[in-house]
Amino acid sequence: MSPVEERMSTPTIAGSPAEPARRAPAHLGRLDAAGYLICLGGIVRRELLRFFNQKERFFSAMVRPLVWLFIFAAGFRNTLGVSIEPPYQTYVLYEVYVVPGLAVMIQLFNGMQSSLSMVYDREVGSMKVLLTSPYPRWLLLLAKLIAGVCVSVVQAYAFLAVAYFWETDIPPIGYVAALPAFLASGLMLGAIGLFLSSLVRQLENFASVMNFVIFPMFFASSALYPLWRIRESSETLYWICQCNPFSHAVQLVRFALYGQFEPIACAVVVGTTLAFFALAVVAYDPGRGIMARRGGPAGDNA
């Protein structure tokens, strides 16, 4: 038998010198940029699918601002007309003034609802598994935050589409210019919600937290009435509204809808987002945050 035939007839074993064992691709099992993007995309896709499969969630989010626009604004139309102030160039009706605030209100409620689902997922849902994965906590929280913002932006633009037929006088370019403002305000409100979700252990306690956060933030702001009117009645309440980050989120969106930029509001929104997201990351850290004192998600040392 020739040497060639002998080699062909000799069985080869995986891992032997004749045929080295096959190795998995180098990128598998490694937490690289591709793995981060896959994790981010998976969480965002899951939240979007949950949103589109729960049509009642979409309609319930639209009820509150539409009721305020169609009923309350119609009743206050002649009583609460707004004088000339930036970004408006002339006197505006009350329903025109409240549209930006009602759009951001949708993002406020969506951010709190996303936090509510975070409490559930952290205890018995998918987030309980993800929080024990090798991916860093900041990436998982950022993915959850971005997913919630995508949902809130869709809801806000759906409301603007309905409000368009209510003579809101928003220029066409404003709908495009407002997209970065909606993203920034959604990130800020979502970051606040993430931090609040770290403080709540049980779902039963979250409803009370929402009542003490959502309604003061919404009513003590410039969403429903200009701050100069509040200042005429109470100087203390005026400064409370000025310190409310929701007021600056509303102003950022309001100016953007009319093609203008409000730098102070942008700085407050960005700073608040970074601060609360950093607090949420620390709170969800099992080694040093609130989760450490509780023993991790669902009481585990994860």
C-alpha atoms as a PDB file:
ATOM      1  CA  MET A   1       0.000   0.000   0.000  1.00  0.00           C
ATOM      2  CA  SER A   2       1.362   3.352  -0.974  1.00  0.00           C
ATOM      3  CA  PRO A   3       1.865   6.100   1.622  1.00  0.00           C
ATOM      4  CA  VAL A   4      -1.005   8.077   0.040  1.00  0.00           C
ATOM      5  CA  GLU A   5      -3.408   5.154   0.230  1.00  0.00           C
ATOM      6  CA  GLU A   6      -2.328   4.443   3.811  1.00  0.00           C
ATOM      7  CA  ARG A   7      -3.142   7.980   4.870  1.00  0.00           C
ATOM      8  CA  MET A   8      -6.523   7.851   3.119  1.00  0.00           C
ATOM      9  CA  SER A   9      -7.473   4.572   4.762  1.00  0.00           C
ATOM     10  CA  THR A  10      -6.373   5.592   8.261  1.00  0.00           C
ATOM     11  CA  PRO A  11      -9.353   7.020  10.248  1.00  0.00           C
ATOM     12  CA  THR A  12      -8.835  10.463  11.641  1.00  0.00           C
ATOM     13  CA  ILE A  13     -10.050  11.553  15.027  1.00  0.00           C
ATOM     14  CA  ALA A  14     -11.138  15.105  15.795  1.00  0.00           C
ATOM     15  CA  GLY A  15      -8.446  16.776  17.769  1.00  0.00           C
ATOM     16  CA  SER A  16      -5.670  14.496  16.475  1.00  0.00           C
ATOM     17  CA  PRO A  17      -2.651  15.915  14.653  1.00  0.00           C
ATOM     18  CA  ALA A  18      -4.072  14.660  11.348  1.00  0.00           C
ATOM     19  CA  GLU A  19      -7.197  16.859  11.701  1.00  0.00           C
ATOM     20  CA  PRO A  20      -7.202  19.608  14.333  1.00  0.00           C
ATOM     21  CA  ALA A  21     -10.457  20.080  16.268  1.00  0.00           C
ATOM     22  CA  ARG A  22     -12.769  22.722  14.940  1.00  0.00           C
ATOM     23  CA  ARG A  23     -12.876  25.864  17.013  1.00  0.00           C
ATOM     24  CA  ALA A  24     -15.849  28.119  17.522  1.00  0.00           C
ATOM     25  CA  PRO A  25     -15.657  31.531  15.901  1.00  0.00           C
ATOM     26  CA  ALA A  26     -13.645  33.958  17.971  1.00  0.00           C
ATOM     27  CA  HIS A  27     -16.565  36.366  18.451  1.00  0.00           C
ATOM     28  CA  LEU A  28     -18.876  33.787  20.033  1.00  0.00           C
ATOM     29  CA  GLY A  29     -19.023  33.846  23.817  1.00  0.00           C
ATOM     30  CA  ARG A  30     -17.319  37.188  24.006  1.00  0.00           C
ATOM     31  CA  LEU A  31     -18.921  40.411  25.210  1.00  0.00           C
ATOM     32  CA  ASP A  32     -17.890  42.580  22.293  1.00  0.00           C
ATOM     33  CA  ALA A  33     -19.658  45.396  20.465  1.00  0.00           C
ATOM     34  CA  ALA A  34     -21.625  42.938  18.304  1.00  0.00           C
ATOM     35  CA  GLY A  35     -22.911  41.158  21.403  1.00  0.00           C
ATOM     36  CA  TYR A  36     -23.915  44.476  22.949  1.00  0.00           C
ATOM     37  CA  LEU A  37     -25.868  45.436  19.831  1.00  0.00           C
ATOM     38  CA  ILE A  38     -27.609  42.048  19.736  1.00  0.00           C
ATOM     39  CA  CYS A  39     -28.645  42.440  23.373  1.00  0.00           C
ATOM     40  CA  LEU A  40     -29.812  46.002  22.788  1.00  0.00           C
ATOM     41  CA  GLY A  41     -31.778  45.065  19.680  1.00  0.00           C
ATOM     42  CA  GLY A  42     -33.404  42.089  21.389  1.00  0.00           C
ATOM     43  CA  ILE A  43     -34.705  44.120  24.320  1.00  0.00           C
ATOM     44  CA  VAL A  44     -35.933  46.952  22.089  1.00  0.00           C
ATOM     45  CA  ARG A  45     -37.660  44.486  19.749  1.00  0.00           C
ATOM     46  CA  ARG A  46     -39.343  42.758  22.695  1.00  0.00           C
ATOM     47  CA  GLU A  47     -40.732  46.023  24.048  1.00  0.00           C
ATOM     48  CA  LEU A  48     -42.008  47.120  20.639  1.00  0.00           C
ATOM     49  CA  LEU A  49     -43.700  43.759  20.066  1.00  0.00           C
ATOM     50  CA  ARG A  50     -45.303  43.982  23.500  1.00  0.00           C
ATOM     51  CA  PHE A  51     -46.559  47.469  22.710  1.00  0.00           C
ATOM     52  CA  PHE A  52     -48.034  46.609  19.290  1.00  0.00           C
ATOM     53  CA  ASN A  53     -49.623  43.430  20.641  1.00  0.00           C
ATOM     54  CA  GLN A  54     -51.316  45.348  23.451  1.00  0.00           C
ATOM     55  CA  LYS A  55     -53.524  47.703  21.473  1.00  0.00           C
ATOM     56  CA  GLU A  56     -55.482  48.696  24.568  1.00  0.00           C
ATOM     57  CA  ARG A  57     -52.255  50.141  25.986  1.00  0.00           C
ATOM     58  CA  PHE A  58     -51.993  52.471  22.999  1.00  0.00           C
ATOM     59  CA  PHE A  59     -55.590  53.677  23.216  1.00  0.00           C
ATOM     60  CA  SER A  60     -55.444  54.142  26.983  1.00  0.00           C
ATOM     61  CA  ALA A  61     -52.359  56.320  26.582  1.00  0.00           C
ATOM     62  CA  MET A  62     -54.213  58.487  24.060  1.00  0.00           C
ATOM     63  CA  VAL A  63     -57.360  58.969  26.160  1.00  0.00           C
ATOM     64  CA  ARG A  64     -55.894  61.325  28.780  1.00  0.00           C
ATOM     65  CA  PRO A  65     -54.395  63.955  26.457  1.00  0.00           C
ATOM     66  CA  LEU A  66     -57.305  63.816  24.003  1.00  0.00           C
ATOM     67  CA  VAL A  67     -59.856  64.336  26.779  1.00  0.00           C
ATOM     68  CA  TRP A  68     -57.902  67.335  28.015  1.00  0.00           C
ATOM     69  CA  LEU A  69     -57.555  68.727  24.496  1.00  0.00           C
ATOM     70  CA  PHE A  70     -61.109  68.172  23.287  1.00  0.00           C
ATOM     71  CA  ILE A  71     -63.047  68.869  26.504  1.00  0.00           C
ATOM     72  CA  PHE A  72     -61.030  70.951  28.959  1.00  0.00           C
ATOM     73  CA  ALA A  73     -59.315  73.075  26.327  1.00  0.00           C
ATOM     74  CA  ALA A  74     -62.638  73.813  24.652  1.00  0.00           C
ATOM     75  CA  GLY A  75     -64.091  74.971  27.970  1.00  0.00           C
ATOM     76  CA  PHE A  76     -61.056  77.100  28.858  1.00  0.00           C
ATOM     77  CA  ARG A  77     -60.603  78.468  25.339  1.00  0.00           C
ATOM     78  CA  ASN A  78     -61.832  81.975  26.049  1.00  0.00           C
ATOM     79  CA  THR A  79     -60.806  82.047  29.696  1.00  0.00           C
ATOM     80  CA  LEU A  80     -57.167  81.029  29.458  1.00  0.00           C
ATOM     81  CA  GLY A  81     -55.919  82.610  26.273  1.00  0.00           C
ATOM     82  CA  VAL A  82     -52.141  82.985  26.266  1.00  0.00           C
ATOM     83  CA  SER A  83     -50.479  86.307  25.521  1.00  0.00           C
ATOM     84  CA  ILE A  84     -47.445  86.739  23.317  1.00  0.00           C
ATOM     85  CA  GLU A  85     -44.433  84.871  24.681  1.00  0.00           C
ATOM     86  CA  PRO A  86     -41.697  82.742  23.127  1.00  0.00           C
ATOM     87  CA  PRO A  87     -41.875  80.691  21.007  1.00  0.00           C
ATOM     88  CA  TYR A  88     -45.215  82.136  19.889  1.00  0.00           C
ATOM     89  CA  GLN A  89     -45.241  85.232  17.711  1.00  0.00           C
ATOM     90  CA  THR A  90     -48.816  86.234  18.486  1.00  0.00           C
ATOM     91  CA  TYR A  91     -51.675  85.494  20.848  1.00  0.00           C
ATOM     92  CA  VAL A  92     -52.572  81.807  20.862  1.00  0.00           C
ATOM     93  CA  LEU A  93     -55.588  79.862  21.983  1.00  0.00           C
ATOM     94  CA  TYR A  94     -55.419  77.620  24.996  1.00  0.00           C
ATOM     95  CA  GLU A  95     -55.589  74.376  22.994  1.00  0.00           C
ATOM     96  CA  VAL A  96     -52.592  75.507  20.947  1.00  0.00           C
ATOM     97  CA  TYR A  97     -50.593  76.147  24.100  1.00  0.00           C
ATOM     98  CA  VAL A  98     -51.329  72.827  25.816  1.00  0.00           C
ATOM     99  CA  VAL A  99     -50.519  70.508  22.890  1.00  0.00           C
ATOM    100  CA  PRO A 100     -46.743  70.256  23.628  1.00  0.00           C
ATOM    101  CA  GLY A 101     -47.397  69.650  27.313  1.00  0.00           C
ATOM    102  CA  LEU A 102     -49.949  66.943  26.584  1.00  0.00           C
ATOM    103  CA  ALA A 103     -47.530  65.230  24.190  1.00  0.00           C
ATOM    104  CA  VAL A 104     -44.846  65.148  26.872  1.00  0.00           C
ATOM    105  CA  MET A 105     -47.469  63.964  29.363  1.00  0.00           C
ATOM    106  CA  ILE A 106     -47.821  60.836  27.218  1.00  0.00           C
ATOM    107  CA  GLN A 107     -44.099  60.258  27.643  1.00  0.00           C
ATOM    108  CA  LEU A 108     -44.394  60.828  31.384  1.00  0.00           C
ATOM    109  CA  PHE A 109     -47.081  58.182  31.808  1.00  0.00           C
ATOM    110  CA  ASN A 110     -45.253  55.823  29.453  1.00  0.00           C
ATOM    111  CA  GLY A 111     -42.041  56.200  31.445  1.00  0.00           C
ATOM    112  CA  MET A 112     -43.846  55.310  34.655  1.00  0.00           C
ATOM    113  CA  GLN A 113     -45.636  52.397  33.003  1.00  0.00           C
ATOM    114  CA  SER A 114     -42.330  51.116  31.668  1.00  0.00           C
ATOM    115  CA  SER A 115     -40.968  51.310  35.204  1.00  0.00           C
ATOM    116  CA  LEU A 116     -43.957  49.328  36.429  1.00  0.00           C
ATOM    117  CA  SER A 117     -43.168  46.578  33.926  1.00  0.00           C
ATOM    118  CA  MET A 118     -39.546  46.760  35.066  1.00  0.00           C
ATOM    119  CA  VAL A 119     -40.618  45.956  38.626  1.00  0.00           C
ATOM    120  CA  TYR A 120     -42.542  42.927  37.380  1.00  0.00           C
ATOM    121  CA  ASP A 121     -39.830  41.741  34.978  1.00  0.00           C
ATOM    122  CA  ARG A 122     -37.181  42.167  37.642  1.00  0.00           C
ATOM    123  CA  GLU A 123     -39.002  39.850  40.019  1.00  0.00           C
ATOM    124  CA  VAL A 124     -40.525  37.128  37.820  1.00  0.00           C
ATOM    125  CA  GLY A 125     -40.058  38.185  34.200  1.00  0.00           C
ATOM    126  CA  SER A 126     -37.333  38.279  31.589  1.00  0.00           C
ATOM    127  CA  MET A 127     -35.314  41.009  33.317  1.00  0.00           C
ATOM    128  CA  LYS A 128     -34.672  38.650  36.222  1.00  0.00           C
ATOM    129  CA  VAL A 129     -32.742  36.418  33.817  1.00  0.00           C
ATOM    130  CA  LEU A 130     -31.056  39.295  32.003  1.00  0.00           C
ATOM    131  CA  LEU A 131     -29.852  40.889  35.235  1.00  0.00           C
ATOM    132  CA  THR A 132     -27.965  37.662  36.008  1.00  0.00           C
ATOM    133  CA  SER A 133     -26.364  37.543  32.552  1.00  0.00           C
ATOM    134  CA  PRO A 134     -22.721  38.535  31.973  1.00  0.00           C
ATOM    135  CA  TYR A 135     -23.816  41.723  30.236  1.00  0.00           C
ATOM    136  CA  PRO A 136     -23.175  44.881  32.304  1.00  0.00           C
ATOM    137  CA  ARG A 137     -26.089  46.353  34.175  1.00  0.00           C
ATOM    138  CA  TRP A 138     -25.737  49.736  32.485  1.00  0.00           C
ATOM    139  CA  LEU A 139     -26.235  48.119  29.067  1.00  0.00           C
ATOM    140  CA  LEU A 140     -29.386  46.274  30.156  1.00  0.00           C
ATOM    141  CA  LEU A 141     -30.849  49.397  31.745  1.00  0.00           C
ATOM    142  CA  LEU A 142     -29.912  51.511  28.731  1.00  0.00           C
ATOM    143  CA  ALA A 143     -31.592  49.001  26.404  1.00  0.00           C
ATOM    144  CA  LYS A 144     -34.728  49.058  28.554  1.00  0.00           C
ATOM    145  CA  LEU A 145     -34.630  52.855  28.559  1.00  0.00           C
ATOM    146  CA  ILE A 146     -34.226  53.139  24.773  1.00  0.00           C
ATOM    147  CA  ALA A 147     -37.049  50.652  24.217  1.00  0.00           C
ATOM    148  CA  GLY A 148     -39.388  52.727  26.379  1.00  0.00           C
ATOM    149  CA  VAL A 149     -38.400  55.916  24.560  1.00  0.00           C
ATOM    150  CA  CYS A 150     -39.175  54.354  21.166  1.00  0.00           C
ATOM    151  CA  VAL A 151     -42.656  53.453  22.372  1.00  0.00           C
ATOM    152  CA  SER A 152     -43.291  56.887  23.888  1.00  0.00           C
ATOM    153  CA  VAL A 153     -42.187  58.723  20.737  1.00  0.00           C
ATOM    154  CA  VAL A 154     -44.607  56.667  18.634  1.00  0.00           C
ATOM    155  CA  GLN A 155     -47.434  57.538  21.033  1.00  0.00           C
ATOM    156  CA  ALA A 156     -46.500  61.240  21.102  1.00  0.00           C
ATOM    157  CA  TYR A 157     -46.519  61.534  17.310  1.00  0.00           C
ATOM    158  CA  ALA A 158     -49.828  59.671  17.127  1.00  0.00           C
ATOM    159  CA  PHE A 159     -51.276  62.306  19.458  1.00  0.00           C
ATOM    160  CA  LEU A 160     -49.819  65.122  17.347  1.00  0.00           C
ATOM    161  CA  ALA A 161     -51.399  63.558  14.258  1.00  0.00           C
ATOM    162  CA  VAL A 162     -54.823  63.719  15.912  1.00  0.00           C
ATOM    163  CA  ALA A 163     -54.190  67.208  17.315  1.00  0.00           C
ATOM    164  CA  TYR A 164     -53.334  68.426  13.808  1.00  0.00           C
ATOM    165  CA  PHE A 165     -57.043  68.454  12.978  1.00  0.00           C
ATOM    166  CA  TRP A 166     -57.711  70.650  16.033  1.00  0.00           C
ATOM    167  CA  GLU A 167     -56.077  73.754  14.494  1.00  0.00           C
ATOM    168  CA  THR A 168     -52.906  73.587  16.575  1.00  0.00           C
ATOM    169  CA  ASP A 169     -50.953  75.645  13.984  1.00  0.00           C
ATOM    170  CA  ILE A 170     -47.729  73.653  14.233  1.00  0.00           C
ATOM    171  CA  PRO A 171     -45.501  74.269  11.166  1.00  0.00           C
ATOM    172  CA  PRO A 172     -44.577  71.167   9.127  1.00  0.00           C
ATOM    173  CA  ILE A 173     -40.868  71.552   9.893  1.00  0.00           C
ATOM    174  CA  GLY A 174     -41.721  71.474  13.593  1.00  0.00           C
ATOM    175  CA  TYR A 175     -42.720  67.818  13.465  1.00  0.00           C
ATOM    176  CA  VAL A 176     -39.220  66.935  12.255  1.00  0.00           C
ATOM    177  CA  ALA A 177     -37.391  69.364  14.538  1.00  0.00           C
ATOM    178  CA  ALA A 178     -39.247  68.040  17.572  1.00  0.00           C
ATOM    179  CA  LEU A 179     -37.937  64.484  17.189  1.00  0.00           C
ATOM    180  CA  PRO A 180     -34.624  65.111  19.058  1.00  0.00           C
ATOM    181  CA  ALA A 181     -36.576  66.963  21.753  1.00  0.00           C
ATOM    182  CA  PHE A 182     -38.978  64.050  22.170  1.00  0.00           C
ATOM    183  CA  LEU A 183     -36.050  61.636  22.379  1.00  0.00           C
ATOM    184  CA  ALA A 184     -34.350  63.775  25.039  1.00  0.00           C
ATOM    185  CA  SER A 185     -37.501  64.214  27.119  1.00  0.00           C
ATOM    186  CA  GLY A 186     -38.325  60.517  26.805  1.00  0.00           C
ATOM    187  CA  LEU A 187     -34.848  59.562  28.000  1.00  0.00           C
ATOM    188  CA  MET A 188     -35.138  61.904  30.981  1.00  0.00           C
ATOM    189  CA  LEU A 189     -38.560  60.652  32.087  1.00  0.00           C
ATOM    190  CA  GLY A 190     -37.542  57.038  31.483  1.00  0.00           C
ATOM    191  CA  ALA A 191     -34.391  57.482  33.555  1.00  0.00           C
ATOM    192  CA  ILE A 192     -36.452  58.896  36.421  1.00  0.00           C
ATOM    193  CA  GLY A 193     -38.774  55.916  36.138  1.00  0.00           C
ATOM    194  CA  LEU A 194     -35.879  53.451  36.152  1.00  0.00           C
ATOM    195  CA  PHE A 195     -34.549  54.931  39.362  1.00  0.00           C
ATOM    196  CA  LEU A 196     -37.993  54.825  40.967  1.00  0.00           C
ATOM    197  CA  SER A 197     -38.365  51.170  39.981  1.00  0.00           C
ATOM    198  CA  SER A 198     -35.213  50.377  41.962  1.00  0.00           C
ATOM    199  CA  LEU A 199     -36.833  51.828  45.091  1.00  0.00           C
ATOM    200  CA  VAL A 200     -39.991  49.720  44.853  1.00  0.00           C
ATOM    201  CA  ARG A 201     -39.967  46.121  45.959  1.00  0.00           C
ATOM    202  CA  GLN A 202     -43.538  45.060  45.219  1.00  0.00           C
ATOM    203  CA  LEU A 203     -45.999  45.981  42.499  1.00  0.00           C
ATOM    204  CA  GLU A 204     -48.623  46.941  45.080  1.00  0.00           C
ATOM    205  CA  ASN A 205     -46.444  49.817  46.299  1.00  0.00           C
ATOM    206  CA  PHE A 206     -45.751  51.244  42.852  1.00  0.00           C
ATOM    207  CA  ALA A 207     -49.198  52.773  42.367  1.00  0.00           C
ATOM    208  CA  SER A 208     -48.724  55.072  45.359  1.00  0.00           C
ATOM    209  CA  VAL A 209     -45.290  56.075  44.133  1.00  0.00           C
ATOM    210  CA  MET A 210     -46.747  56.964  40.735  1.00  0.00           C
ATOM    211  CA  ASN A 211     -49.412  59.153  42.327  1.00  0.00           C
ATOM    212  CA  PHE A 212     -46.787  61.059  44.309  1.00  0.00           C
ATOM    213  CA  VAL A 213     -44.587  61.533  41.230  1.00  0.00           C
ATOM    214  CA  ILE A 214     -46.721  61.820  38.106  1.00  0.00           C
ATOM    215  CA  PHE A 215     -49.391  64.272  39.225  1.00  0.00           C
ATOM    216  CA  PRO A 216     -47.103  66.755  41.033  1.00  0.00           C
ATOM    217  CA  MET A 217     -44.668  66.711  38.092  1.00  0.00           C
ATOM    218  CA  PHE A 218     -47.449  67.279  35.575  1.00  0.00           C
ATOM    219  CA  PHE A 219     -49.565  69.901  37.325  1.00  0.00           C
ATOM    220  CA  ALA A 220     -46.640  71.849  38.842  1.00  0.00           C
ATOM    221  CA  SER A 221     -45.198  72.606  35.419  1.00  0.00           C
ATOM    222  CA  SER A 222     -45.678  74.757  32.354  1.00  0.00           C
ATOM    223  CA  ALA A 223     -47.636  72.011  30.560  1.00  0.00           C
ATOM    224  CA  LEU A 224     -51.117  73.452  31.176  1.00  0.00           C
ATOM    225  CA  TYR A 225     -50.494  77.136  31.854  1.00  0.00           C
ATOM    226  CA  PRO A 226     -47.611  79.601  31.396  1.00  0.00           C
ATOM    227  CA  LEU A 227     -45.407  80.156  34.405  1.00  0.00           C
ATOM    228  CA  TRP A 228     -46.025  83.893  34.471  1.00  0.00           C
ATOM    229  CA  ARG A 229     -49.647  83.186  35.374  1.00  0.00           C
ATOM    230  CA  ILE A 230     -48.497  80.984  38.245  1.00  0.00           C
ATOM    231  CA  ARG A 231     -46.120  83.698  39.405  1.00  0.00           C
ATOM    232  CA  GLU A 232     -48.989  86.161  39.625  1.00  0.00           C
ATOM    233  CA  SER A 233     -50.733  83.937  42.171  1.00  0.00           C
ATOM    234  CA  SER A 234     -47.817  82.344  44.057  1.00  0.00           C
ATOM    235  CA  GLU A 235     -44.114  83.076  43.947  1.00  0.00           C
ATOM    236  CA  THR A 236     -43.302  79.866  45.826  1.00  0.00           C
ATOM    237  CA  LEU A 237     -45.244  77.712  43.404  1.00  0.00           C
ATOM    238  CA  TYR A 238     -43.541  79.493  40.512  1.00  0.00           C
ATOM    239  CA  TRP A 239     -40.091  78.480  41.732  1.00  0.00           C
ATOM    240  CA  ILE A 240     -41.291  74.932  42.365  1.00  0.00           C
ATOM    241  CA  CYS A 241     -42.385  74.789  38.736  1.00  0.00           C
ATOM    242  CA  GLN A 242     -39.055  76.239  37.637  1.00  0.00           C
ATOM    243  CA  CYS A 243     -37.191  73.510  39.526  1.00  0.00           C
ATOM    244  CA  ASN A 244     -39.403  70.819  38.031  1.00  0.00           C
ATOM    245  CA  PRO A 245     -37.476  69.047  35.221  1.00  0.00           C
ATOM    246  CA  PHE A 246     -40.780  68.216  33.528  1.00  0.00           C
ATOM    247  CA  SER A 247     -41.304  71.944  32.902  1.00  0.00           C
ATOM    248  CA  HIS A 248     -38.017  72.114  31.014  1.00  0.00           C
ATOM    249  CA  ALA A 249     -38.883  68.996  29.011  1.00  0.00           C
ATOM    250  CA  VAL A 250     -42.146  70.653  27.969  1.00  0.00           C
ATOM    251  CA  GLN A 251     -40.368  73.870  27.028  1.00  0.00           C
ATOM    252  CA  LEU A 252     -37.776  71.967  25.011  1.00  0.00           C
ATOM    253  CA  VAL A 253     -40.509  70.250  22.989  1.00  0.00           C
ATOM    254  CA  ARG A 254     -42.583  73.445  22.726  1.00  0.00           C
ATOM    255  CA  PHE A 255     -39.719  75.444  21.230  1.00  0.00           C
ATOM    256  CA  ALA A 256     -38.699  72.577  18.937  1.00  0.00           C
ATOM    257  CA  LEU A 257     -42.222  72.266  17.508  1.00  0.00           C
ATOM    258  CA  TYR A 258     -41.875  75.849  16.288  1.00  0.00           C
ATOM    259  CA  GLY A 259     -38.349  75.414  14.936  1.00  0.00           C
ATOM    260  CA  GLN A 260     -36.531  77.013  17.867  1.00  0.00           C
ATOM    261  CA  PHE A 261     -33.991  75.792  20.405  1.00  0.00           C
ATOM    262  CA  GLU A 262     -34.122  76.429  24.150  1.00  0.00           C
ATOM    263  CA  PRO A 263     -30.588  75.914  25.549  1.00  0.00           C
ATOM    264  CA  ILE A 264     -31.441  76.135  29.256  1.00  0.00           C
ATOM    265  CA  ALA A 265     -34.202  73.549  28.944  1.00  0.00           C
ATOM    266  CA  CYS A 266     -31.889  71.281  26.942  1.00  0.00           C
ATOM    267  CA  ALA A 267     -29.148  71.534  29.579  1.00  0.00           C
ATOM    268  CA  VAL A 268     -31.579  70.711  32.392  1.00  0.00           C
ATOM    269  CA  VAL A 269     -33.053  67.745  30.496  1.00  0.00           C
ATOM    270  CA  VAL A 270     -29.658  66.281  29.595  1.00  0.00           C
ATOM    271  CA  GLY A 271     -28.265  66.804  33.100  1.00  0.00           C
ATOM    272  CA  THR A 272     -31.316  65.250  34.752  1.00  0.00           C
ATOM    273  CA  THR A 273     -31.117  62.270  32.404  1.00  0.00           C
ATOM    274  CA  LEU A 274     -27.468  61.586  33.186  1.00  0.00           C
ATOM    275  CA  ALA A 275     -27.986  62.027  36.919  1.00  0.00           C
ATOM    276  CA  PHE A 276     -30.976  59.696  37.250  1.00  0.00           C
ATOM    277  CA  PHE A 277     -29.551  57.091  34.893  1.00  0.00           C
ATOM    278  CA  ALA A 278     -26.340  57.015  36.927  1.00  0.00           C
ATOM    279  CA  LEU A 279     -28.405  56.634  40.100  1.00  0.00           C
ATOM    280  CA  ALA A 280     -30.378  53.791  38.512  1.00  0.00           C
ATOM    281  CA  VAL A 281     -27.183  51.974  37.482  1.00  0.00           C
ATOM    282  CA  VAL A 282     -25.803  52.270  41.006  1.00  0.00           C
ATOM    283  CA  ALA A 283     -29.122  51.202  42.537  1.00  0.00           C
ATOM    284  CA  TYR A 284     -29.283  48.086  40.350  1.00  0.00           C
ATOM    285  CA  ASP A 285     -25.680  47.153  41.082  1.00  0.00           C
ATOM    286  CA  PRO A 286     -25.871  44.009  43.278  1.00  0.00           C
ATOM    287  CA  GLY A 287     -22.561  44.870  44.908  1.00  0.00           C
ATOM    288  CA  ARG A 288     -23.179  48.386  46.133  1.00  0.00           C
ATOM    289  CA  GLY A 289     -26.675  49.617  45.285  1.00  0.00           C
ATOM    290  CA  ILE A 290     -30.163  49.104  46.620  1.00  0.00           C
ATOM    291  CA  MET A 291     -30.239  45.639  45.110  1.00  0.00           C
ATOM    292  CA  ALA A 292     -27.287  44.685  47.323  1.00  0.00           C
ATOM    293  CA  ARG A 293     -29.248  45.445  50.481  1.00  0.00           C
ATOM    294  CA  ARG A 294     -32.140  43.398  49.146  1.00  0.00           C
ATOM    295  CA  GLY A 295     -30.049  40.465  48.018  1.00  0.00           C
ATOM    296  CA  GLY A 296     -30.465  40.999  44.279  1.00  0.00           C
ATOM    297  CA  PRO A 297     -33.531  40.518  42.097  1.00  0.00           C
ATOM    298  CA  ALA A 298     -36.274  38.536  43.757  1.00  0.00           C
ATOM    299  CA  GLY A 299     -34.117  38.087  46.803  1.00  0.00           C
ATOM    300  CA  ASP A 300     -31.283  36.259  45.000  1.00  0.00           C
ATOM    301  CA  ASN A 301     -27.625  37.063  45.288  1.00  0.00           C
ATOM    302  CA  ALA A 302     -27.398  37.623  41.563  1.00  0.00           C
END
